[in-house]
Protein backbone atom coordinates (compact mmCIF):
# COMPACT_ATOMS: atom_id res chain seq x y z
CA UNK A 1 4.89 14.43 -8.19
CA UNK A 2 1.33 15.69 -8.47
CA UNK A 3 -0.82 14.67 -11.39
CA UNK A 4 -3.80 16.18 -13.05
CA UNK A 5 -6.51 14.59 -15.12
CA UNK A 6 -9.27 14.38 -12.58
CA UNK A 7 -7.75 11.90 -10.14
CA UNK A 8 -9.17 12.11 -6.61
CA UNK A 9 -5.60 12.13 -5.19
CA UNK A 10 -2.32 13.98 -5.65
CA UNK A 11 1.34 13.04 -5.38
CA UNK A 12 1.35 10.18 -7.89
CA UNK A 13 2.86 9.67 -11.34
CA UNK A 14 1.91 7.17 -14.03
CA UNK A 15 3.59 3.85 -13.23
CA UNK A 16 5.14 3.92 -16.70
CA UNK A 17 7.27 6.85 -15.46
CA UNK A 18 8.45 5.05 -12.31
CA UNK A 19 12.22 5.40 -11.88
CA UNK A 20 14.57 4.88 -8.97
CA UNK A 21 17.83 6.71 -8.31
CA UNK A 22 19.72 3.88 -10.04
CA UNK A 23 18.76 1.17 -12.53
CA UNK A 24 18.88 -1.50 -9.79
CA UNK A 25 16.42 0.48 -7.67
CA UNK A 26 14.14 0.96 -10.69
CA UNK A 27 14.12 -2.81 -11.25
CA UNK A 28 13.23 -3.49 -7.61
CA UNK A 29 10.40 -0.95 -7.78
CA UNK A 30 9.16 -2.48 -11.06
CA UNK A 31 9.07 -5.85 -9.30
CA UNK A 32 6.98 -4.28 -6.56
CA UNK A 33 4.67 -2.80 -9.19
CA UNK A 34 4.16 -6.31 -10.61
CA UNK A 35 3.48 -7.61 -7.09
CA UNK A 36 0.90 -4.86 -6.49
CA UNK A 37 -0.84 -5.52 -9.80
CA UNK A 38 -0.96 -9.28 -9.12
CA UNK A 39 -2.28 -8.68 -5.60
CA UNK A 40 -5.05 -6.42 -6.87
CA UNK A 41 -6.14 -8.59 -9.79
CA UNK A 42 -6.27 -11.58 -7.45
CA UNK A 43 -9.57 -10.27 -6.09
CA UNK A 44 -12.65 -11.36 -8.02
CA UNK A 45 -14.19 -7.88 -7.65
CA UNK A 46 -11.33 -6.36 -9.64
CA UNK A 47 -11.99 -6.43 -13.37
CA UNK A 48 -9.30 -4.70 -15.35
CA UNK A 49 -6.82 -2.17 -14.07
CA UNK A 50 -7.64 0.96 -16.03
CA UNK A 51 -4.86 3.18 -14.69
CA UNK A 52 -1.90 2.53 -12.41
CA UNK A 53 0.24 5.10 -10.60
CA UNK A 54 3.32 5.19 -8.40
CA UNK A 55 3.32 7.24 -5.22
CA UNK A 56 6.81 6.47 -3.90
CA UNK A 57 8.80 3.88 -2.09
CA UNK A 58 12.04 2.10 -1.40
CA UNK A 59 12.79 -1.00 -3.48
CA UNK A 60 12.07 -4.29 -1.71
CA UNK A 61 11.01 -2.41 1.46
CA UNK A 62 7.73 -0.60 0.74
CA UNK A 63 5.97 1.03 -2.19
CA UNK A 64 2.69 2.89 -2.48
CA UNK A 65 0.68 2.60 -5.69
CA UNK A 66 -2.67 4.00 -6.75
CA UNK A 67 -5.06 2.23 -9.10
CA UNK A 68 -8.21 2.96 -11.00
CA UNK A 69 -9.98 -0.33 -11.66
CA UNK A 70 -13.00 -1.63 -13.47
CA UNK A 71 -15.02 -2.77 -10.46
CA UNK A 72 -17.01 -5.97 -10.77
CA UNK A 73 -20.00 -5.79 -8.50
CA UNK A 74 -21.84 -3.10 -6.64
CA UNK A 75 -20.20 -1.28 -3.78
CA UNK A 76 -16.66 -1.78 -5.12
CA UNK A 77 -14.49 1.33 -5.15
CA UNK A 78 -13.07 2.41 -8.50
CA UNK A 79 -9.97 3.98 -6.93
CA UNK A 80 -7.69 2.18 -4.47
CA UNK A 81 -4.32 2.61 -2.80
CA UNK A 82 -2.00 -0.40 -2.69
CA UNK A 83 0.86 -0.91 -0.28
CA UNK A 84 3.35 -3.71 -0.97
CA UNK A 85 6.83 -4.61 0.13
CA UNK A 86 8.57 -6.57 2.84
CA UNK A 87 5.32 -6.59 4.80
CA UNK A 88 1.73 -7.71 4.21
CA UNK A 89 0.23 -6.33 1.01
CA UNK A 90 -2.98 -4.37 1.41
CA UNK A 91 -5.41 -2.19 -0.45
CA UNK A 92 -7.04 0.89 1.05
CA UNK A 93 -9.94 3.03 -0.09
CA UNK A 94 -9.29 6.67 -0.89
CA UNK A 95 -11.76 8.15 1.64
CA UNK A 96 -9.33 9.98 3.95
CA UNK A 97 -6.12 9.39 2.00
CA UNK A 98 -5.52 11.96 -0.72
CA UNK A 99 -1.75 11.47 -0.97
CA UNK A 100 0.70 8.56 -0.84
CA UNK A 101 1.86 9.73 2.61
CA UNK A 102 -1.70 9.68 3.94
CA UNK A 103 -2.23 6.24 2.38
CA UNK A 104 0.89 4.87 4.08
CA UNK A 105 -0.17 6.41 7.39
CA UNK A 106 -3.58 4.76 6.94
CA UNK A 107 -1.88 1.45 6.20
CA UNK A 108 0.27 1.74 9.32
CA UNK A 109 -2.80 2.56 11.42
CA UNK A 110 -4.79 -0.40 10.09
CA UNK A 111 -1.88 -2.79 10.52
CA UNK A 112 -1.33 -1.57 14.09
CA UNK A 113 -4.93 -2.62 14.83
CA UNK A 114 -4.08 -6.11 13.57
CA UNK A 115 -0.91 -6.12 15.71
CA UNK A 116 -2.93 -5.16 18.81
CA UNK A 117 -5.28 -8.11 18.28
CA UNK A 118 -2.52 -10.57 17.34
CA UNK A 119 -0.38 -9.67 20.36
CA UNK A 120 -2.87 -11.54 22.49
CA UNK A 121 -3.59 -14.30 19.99
CA UNK A 122 -7.03 -12.83 19.38
CA UNK A 123 -9.26 -13.32 16.38
CA UNK A 124 -8.52 -10.52 13.90
CA UNK A 125 -12.00 -10.58 12.37
CA UNK A 126 -12.75 -6.85 12.36
CA UNK A 127 -9.33 -5.64 11.25
CA UNK A 128 -7.45 -5.52 7.96
CA UNK A 129 -6.74 -9.02 6.65
CA UNK A 130 -3.12 -10.15 7.01
CA UNK A 131 -1.80 -13.36 5.47
CA UNK A 132 -0.05 -14.46 8.66
CA UNK A 133 -1.04 -16.21 11.87
CA UNK A 134 -2.37 -13.84 14.54
CA UNK A 135 0.30 -14.71 17.09
CA UNK A 136 2.44 -12.57 19.41
CA UNK A 137 5.52 -13.49 17.35
CA UNK A 138 3.99 -12.23 14.09
CA UNK A 139 2.60 -9.18 15.89
CA UNK A 140 6.09 -8.31 17.15
CA UNK A 141 7.67 -8.77 13.71
CA UNK A 142 5.05 -6.65 11.97
CA UNK A 143 5.10 -4.03 14.73
CA UNK A 144 8.86 -3.61 14.25
CA UNK A 145 8.43 -3.14 10.50
CA UNK A 146 5.68 -0.59 11.07
CA UNK A 147 7.95 1.33 13.46
CA UNK A 148 10.62 1.43 10.77
CA UNK A 149 8.13 2.66 8.18
CA UNK A 150 6.91 5.37 10.50
CA UNK A 151 10.29 6.58 11.74
CA UNK A 152 12.59 5.96 8.74
CA UNK A 153 10.64 5.69 5.49
CA UNK A 154 7.88 8.27 5.98
CA UNK A 155 10.25 11.16 6.80
CA UNK A 156 12.54 10.21 3.92
CA UNK A 157 9.90 9.91 1.19
CA UNK A 158 7.01 11.90 2.44
CA UNK A 159 7.90 14.74 4.83
CA UNK A 160 5.03 16.37 6.68
CA UNK A 161 2.47 17.81 4.29
């Protein structure tokens, strides 16, 4: 699924070409695309979405998207990964993530930092923002989802590179 055209990443296709194995799966993934777009444009530093790509996923579970935006303000990255699904949505910079697999691994790593803080009811100030209370219960629920992503989804969609 590699693209050309000067993108700083590989392994993505234009979102307009997104298709699941069946029509129902395609519709679920399209819904996740809409969720990712809404999440991204909800930030005041995001002007327009110039380009939007699909990196892979499982409908209603997790999907990885890649966006090129019109940044509003200095210091805003033009290219971002987005992870959405049955877990907290997040954006990630491209720095060390050149593929959807690397982006999902980065997401898992950042969310595990949040889990580590929330397990003890700490203040998750210096970790990725999560729209949930930082409690042991939420930490356990998110930790279980991350385990599933790591052990079930990653090997299925993105085998070792």
